[in-house]
Each structure stands twice: as C-alpha cells, then as structure tokens.
C-alpha cells in the first residue's frame, strides 16, 4: 500500500485551513493544520510533509520567516498563500525559496492543480547515490557542470548542488540550447507552463538564485540579453 502524501497547512484562519484540508483529503492527501509559524517549525520534522502550504500573515513569526527557516535545512516544496497580491510580495516569496505563490481568495480546483504540479516536479528528483558519478539519461554536460533532467541532479565543480525542480528545469532548458536567446515570456511558458498565473519577474528571481549557486566559468555563462531575456552562453 502506497503511503499518502502529506501536506502541512500553515494558516491562522481555521475556517480557510479546514476548507483547504477538506479539498486535499478528497484528493487522498494526508493533511495537518497548524496556526502559527513557531508551531509549523516544530511540526515540520515530526510530520515530515511532502509539501507545505504557507500563509504569509501569521501571528508572531510570519510566513516569510518560516520559509527562510525551512530553506536552511530542507528543499521540500512550499506554496505561499496570501491576500497580498503586489509584485513585491510575490518576488520576495520566490527569492526566499517558495515554489509557487497563490493569492487569496483562490479557486479550490486551481489550488489542487498547483499542489499536484509542484509535487510532480519535486518527485521527479530522486536522491543521487553518488555526486562523483555521471548519471545516464537526459543530461547536458559542460566543463565543471552536468545538469541531469532524468534524476534531477546538478554537479558543479564535482559537487552535488541542491536545487529545487524549477531552478533545475530552467537551467537545463537554457543549457540545452547554448547561445540561444529566450524571452522571459518564453521561459515562463515553458517552465511554469499550463496554468501558471505569474509575472515575468518570476524568471528574474530564479535566474538570480541560479547565479548564487553556480558561477560563470571560463567556458560558459548564464548571460542577460538586455531588453530581451537570457541565454546560456558558451564561450568559443
């Protein structure tokens, strides 16, 4: 029997939390509700969720702080929930490591669809048994960099780099078409796909996070094409 996937719901509005839990249980997820950030951090290592639904406006420690703390030790996907729809709030959430951002009030079907989409991406990333062994499958390789889409692994300078699925997919997509320029809209459509309602700054945030993890080499670079978008530049 396959274990149910677990979702930790962090929201101080009991009515909303219970409603979300009901939607997810109908989809055969196991849920647990906590009402504040401190409880979320205590419950996280005990419940061991596959995904966290995290409200931003929490008493005491807010959702941004909770996200920051969780990202110190875990890459478990996080979907932020907020009534604040400003671009600044979305970008800040993504910069802190959230995988998606939904604005309240939201449609229950869209919430479930996004949960499933994020989990699909995350589950495609099994543990890598050896950071020094080049894995077979769908990968691109450059000096000091191997990006493997089959097992969702990145080797940089011989070290395994922890990377959320969407960051890895973005890097792989660019590296698979060296020196080709893609607009932000093209990247948003390809990586976030079907129903993602986002701003093109989402792409900028993920490029920034990639650059923090992998630095340009003498052979290749993640380059900005001003006024257009980005490319994976291979230096001749």
Protein backbone atom coordinates (compact mmCIF):
# COMPACT_ATOMS: atom_id res chain seq x y z
CA UNK A 1 0.00 0.00 0.00
CA UNK A 2 1.40 3.38 -1.03
CA UNK A 3 1.66 5.93 1.76
CA UNK A 4 -0.41 9.05 1.32
CA UNK A 5 1.46 12.22 0.56
CA UNK A 6 1.46 14.61 3.49
CA UNK A 7 0.69 18.32 3.30
CA UNK A 8 1.30 20.72 6.16
CA UNK A 9 -1.19 23.61 6.15
CA UNK A 10 0.03 26.70 8.00
CA UNK A 11 -2.79 29.24 8.37
CA UNK A 12 -4.20 31.09 11.38
CA UNK A 13 -7.67 31.26 9.80
CA UNK A 14 -9.20 27.99 11.00
CA UNK A 15 -12.08 28.13 8.52
CA UNK A 16 -9.82 28.54 5.49
CA UNK A 17 -7.40 25.90 6.77
CA UNK A 18 -10.19 23.37 7.31
CA UNK A 19 -11.60 24.08 3.85
CA UNK A 20 -8.19 23.58 2.24
CA UNK A 21 -7.73 20.38 4.22
CA UNK A 22 -11.10 19.10 3.01
CA UNK A 23 -10.23 19.74 -0.65
CA UNK A 24 -6.90 17.95 -0.28
CA UNK A 25 -8.26 14.97 1.66
CA UNK A 26 -10.76 14.43 -1.17
CA UNK A 27 -7.69 14.02 -3.39
CA UNK A 28 -6.31 11.43 -0.95
CA UNK A 29 -3.66 13.62 0.68
CA UNK A 30 -2.96 13.44 4.39
CA UNK A 31 -3.07 16.88 5.97
CA UNK A 32 -2.11 18.57 9.22
CA UNK A 33 -3.09 22.10 10.23
CA UNK A 34 -1.08 24.48 12.41
CA UNK A 35 -1.97 28.09 13.14
CA UNK A 36 1.34 29.89 13.58
CA UNK A 37 4.95 29.89 12.40
CA UNK A 38 6.54 28.52 15.56
CA UNK A 39 4.17 25.52 15.50
CA UNK A 40 4.98 24.96 11.84
CA UNK A 41 8.71 24.73 12.54
CA UNK A 42 8.11 22.35 15.45
CA UNK A 43 5.74 20.14 13.49
CA UNK A 44 7.75 20.04 10.25
CA UNK A 45 10.37 17.43 11.34
CA UNK A 46 7.68 15.36 13.07
CA UNK A 47 5.03 15.30 10.33
CA UNK A 48 7.64 15.19 7.52
CA UNK A 49 5.38 16.77 4.88
CA UNK A 50 5.84 16.34 1.15
CA UNK A 51 4.65 19.93 0.66
CA UNK A 52 3.89 22.99 2.80
CA UNK A 53 1.02 25.40 2.17
CA UNK A 54 2.18 28.53 3.97
CA UNK A 55 0.09 31.60 4.71
CA UNK A 56 2.12 34.82 4.89
CA UNK A 57 0.14 36.73 7.51
CA UNK A 58 0.71 34.66 10.64
CA UNK A 59 0.79 35.75 14.27
CA UNK A 60 4.32 36.14 15.63
CA UNK A 61 6.69 34.67 13.06
CA UNK A 62 5.32 35.49 9.60
CA UNK A 63 5.36 33.24 6.55
CA UNK A 64 8.49 34.83 5.10
CA UNK A 65 10.44 33.97 8.24
CA UNK A 66 9.05 30.43 8.28
CA UNK A 67 10.06 29.93 4.64
CA UNK A 68 13.55 31.24 5.35
CA UNK A 69 13.96 28.86 8.31
CA UNK A 70 12.68 25.84 6.39
CA UNK A 71 15.01 26.51 3.47
CA UNK A 72 18.05 26.31 5.73
CA UNK A 73 17.63 22.55 6.04
CA UNK A 74 15.02 21.40 3.51
CA UNK A 75 14.09 21.67 -0.17
CA UNK A 76 10.53 20.42 0.43
CA UNK A 77 8.26 22.44 -1.89
CA UNK A 78 6.45 25.44 -0.42
CA UNK A 79 3.39 27.18 -1.86
CA UNK A 80 2.77 30.57 -0.28
CA UNK A 81 -0.80 31.76 0.27
CA UNK A 82 -1.56 35.44 0.70
CA UNK A 83 -4.19 38.12 0.28
CA UNK A 84 -1.33 40.42 -0.74
CA UNK A 85 -1.07 40.42 -4.50
CA UNK A 86 1.62 43.02 -5.07
CA UNK A 87 4.53 42.03 -7.29
CA UNK A 88 6.98 42.87 -4.48
CA UNK A 89 5.37 40.30 -2.18
CA UNK A 90 5.44 37.59 -4.86
CA UNK A 91 9.06 38.26 -5.76
CA UNK A 92 10.15 38.30 -2.11
CA UNK A 93 8.44 34.97 -1.50
CA UNK A 94 10.13 33.40 -4.52
CA UNK A 95 13.51 34.84 -3.56
CA UNK A 96 13.20 33.22 -0.14
CA UNK A 97 12.67 29.84 -1.78
CA UNK A 98 8.94 29.38 -2.32
CA UNK A 99 8.00 27.23 -5.31
CA UNK A 100 4.70 28.97 -6.05
CA UNK A 101 2.53 31.83 -4.80
CA UNK A 102 -1.27 31.95 -4.72
CA UNK A 103 -3.43 34.96 -3.96
CA UNK A 104 -6.48 34.64 -1.72
CA UNK A 105 -9.28 34.08 -2.43
CA UNK A 106 -8.43 31.24 -4.80
CA UNK A 107 -10.39 28.53 -6.57
CA UNK A 108 -10.18 25.13 -4.91
CA UNK A 109 -9.55 23.37 -8.23
CA UNK A 110 -6.65 25.69 -9.01
CA UNK A 111 -5.14 25.06 -5.57
CA UNK A 112 -5.31 21.31 -6.04
CA UNK A 113 -3.89 21.61 -9.58
CA UNK A 114 -0.94 23.64 -8.35
CA UNK A 115 -0.27 21.25 -5.47
CA UNK A 116 -0.21 18.34 -7.90
CA UNK A 117 2.03 20.20 -10.36
CA UNK A 118 4.58 21.18 -7.72
CA UNK A 119 4.64 17.67 -6.28
CA UNK A 120 5.14 16.16 -9.74
CA UNK A 121 8.19 18.32 -10.30
CA UNK A 122 9.60 17.60 -6.87
CA UNK A 123 9.02 13.84 -7.04
CA UNK A 124 10.95 13.66 -10.30
CA UNK A 125 14.07 14.36 -8.24
CA UNK A 126 15.21 11.12 -6.56
CA UNK A 127 18.27 11.07 -4.33
CA UNK A 128 21.59 10.91 -6.17
CA UNK A 129 23.63 7.99 -4.94
CA UNK A 130 26.99 9.43 -5.95
CA UNK A 131 27.94 13.02 -6.55
CA UNK A 132 31.01 11.96 -8.50
CA UNK A 133 29.35 9.53 -10.91
CA UNK A 134 27.89 10.91 -14.09
CA UNK A 135 24.32 9.63 -14.28
CA UNK A 136 22.92 8.26 -17.51
CA UNK A 137 19.85 9.64 -19.20
CA UNK A 138 18.76 13.08 -20.32
CA UNK A 139 21.57 15.45 -19.41
CA UNK A 140 23.74 18.28 -20.67
CA UNK A 141 27.43 18.48 -19.87
CA UNK A 142 29.90 21.34 -19.95
CA UNK A 143 33.27 21.82 -18.25
CA UNK A 144 32.61 21.77 -14.47
CA UNK A 145 28.84 21.42 -14.97
CA UNK A 146 26.47 18.49 -15.53
CA UNK A 147 22.71 19.06 -15.42
CA UNK A 148 20.73 15.80 -15.45
CA UNK A 149 16.99 16.02 -16.05
CA UNK A 150 16.47 12.28 -15.66
CA UNK A 151 17.39 12.17 -11.97
CA UNK A 152 17.19 15.94 -11.33
CA UNK A 153 20.79 16.33 -10.27
CA UNK A 154 23.34 19.08 -10.79
CA UNK A 155 27.09 18.53 -10.49
CA UNK A 156 29.10 21.75 -10.32
CA UNK A 157 32.87 21.64 -9.87
CA UNK A 158 32.47 17.99 -8.85
CA UNK A 159 29.96 18.77 -6.10
CA UNK A 160 26.26 17.96 -5.97
CA UNK A 161 24.20 21.16 -5.80
CA UNK A 162 20.81 21.19 -4.08
CA UNK A 163 18.36 22.84 -6.42
CA UNK A 164 14.54 23.00 -6.44
CA UNK A 165 12.97 21.41 -9.52
CA UNK A 166 12.01 24.64 -11.29
CA UNK A 167 15.51 26.09 -10.92
CA UNK A 168 16.99 22.90 -12.37
CA UNK A 169 14.47 22.80 -15.21
CA UNK A 170 15.24 26.41 -16.09
CA UNK A 171 19.00 25.74 -16.08
CA UNK A 172 18.58 22.57 -18.15
CA UNK A 173 16.33 24.29 -20.69
CA UNK A 174 18.81 27.12 -21.24
CA UNK A 175 21.86 24.84 -21.27
CA UNK A 176 20.17 22.51 -23.78
CA UNK A 177 20.11 25.36 -26.32
CA UNK A 178 23.51 27.05 -25.95
CA UNK A 179 23.75 30.65 -27.17
CA UNK A 180 20.03 30.78 -27.99
CA UNK A 181 18.23 33.77 -26.52
CA UNK A 182 14.88 33.22 -24.80
CA UNK A 183 12.48 35.92 -23.71
CA UNK A 184 11.14 35.91 -20.17
CA UNK A 185 7.69 35.07 -21.56
CA UNK A 186 9.07 32.03 -23.41
CA UNK A 187 10.84 30.79 -20.28
CA UNK A 188 7.79 31.39 -18.10
CA UNK A 189 5.59 29.48 -20.52
CA UNK A 190 7.99 26.55 -20.87
CA UNK A 191 8.99 26.08 -17.22
CA UNK A 192 5.86 27.11 -15.36
CA UNK A 193 3.59 26.09 -18.14
CA UNK A 194 -0.07 25.41 -18.33
CA UNK A 195 -1.92 27.47 -15.72
CA UNK A 196 0.76 29.46 -14.01
CA UNK A 197 -0.52 32.98 -13.41
CA UNK A 198 2.66 34.85 -12.70
CA UNK A 199 4.79 37.81 -13.56
CA UNK A 200 7.87 37.64 -15.79
CA UNK A 201 9.92 38.77 -12.77
CA UNK A 202 9.49 35.20 -11.57
CA UNK A 203 12.09 34.27 -14.20
CA UNK A 204 14.45 37.00 -12.97
CA UNK A 205 14.19 35.68 -9.42
CA UNK A 206 15.07 32.14 -10.46
CA UNK A 207 17.98 33.31 -12.61
CA UNK A 208 19.28 35.25 -9.60
CA UNK A 209 19.05 32.13 -7.43
CA UNK A 210 20.86 30.05 -10.06
CA UNK A 211 23.67 32.60 -10.23
CA UNK A 212 24.07 32.42 -6.47
CA UNK A 213 24.64 28.65 -6.73
CA UNK A 214 26.70 28.36 -9.89
CA UNK A 215 29.19 30.98 -11.00
CA UNK A 216 30.12 31.69 -14.62
CA UNK A 217 33.17 29.81 -15.82
CA UNK A 218 35.80 30.46 -18.50
CA UNK A 219 33.77 28.22 -20.79
CA UNK A 220 30.13 29.18 -20.19
CA UNK A 221 27.91 31.74 -18.51
CA UNK A 222 24.27 32.49 -17.65
CA UNK A 223 24.01 35.72 -19.58
CA UNK A 224 21.44 38.50 -19.61
CA UNK A 225 20.46 39.84 -23.02
CA UNK A 226 19.29 43.30 -22.08
CA UNK A 227 15.78 44.15 -23.17
CA UNK A 228 15.08 40.59 -24.30
CA UNK A 229 15.82 37.81 -21.80
CA UNK A 230 18.51 35.24 -21.07
CA UNK A 231 20.80 32.69 -22.70
CA UNK A 232 23.29 30.03 -21.70
CA UNK A 233 26.37 31.42 -23.38
CA UNK A 234 29.09 29.01 -24.47
CA UNK A 235 32.36 30.84 -24.93
CA UNK A 236 34.34 29.97 -28.02
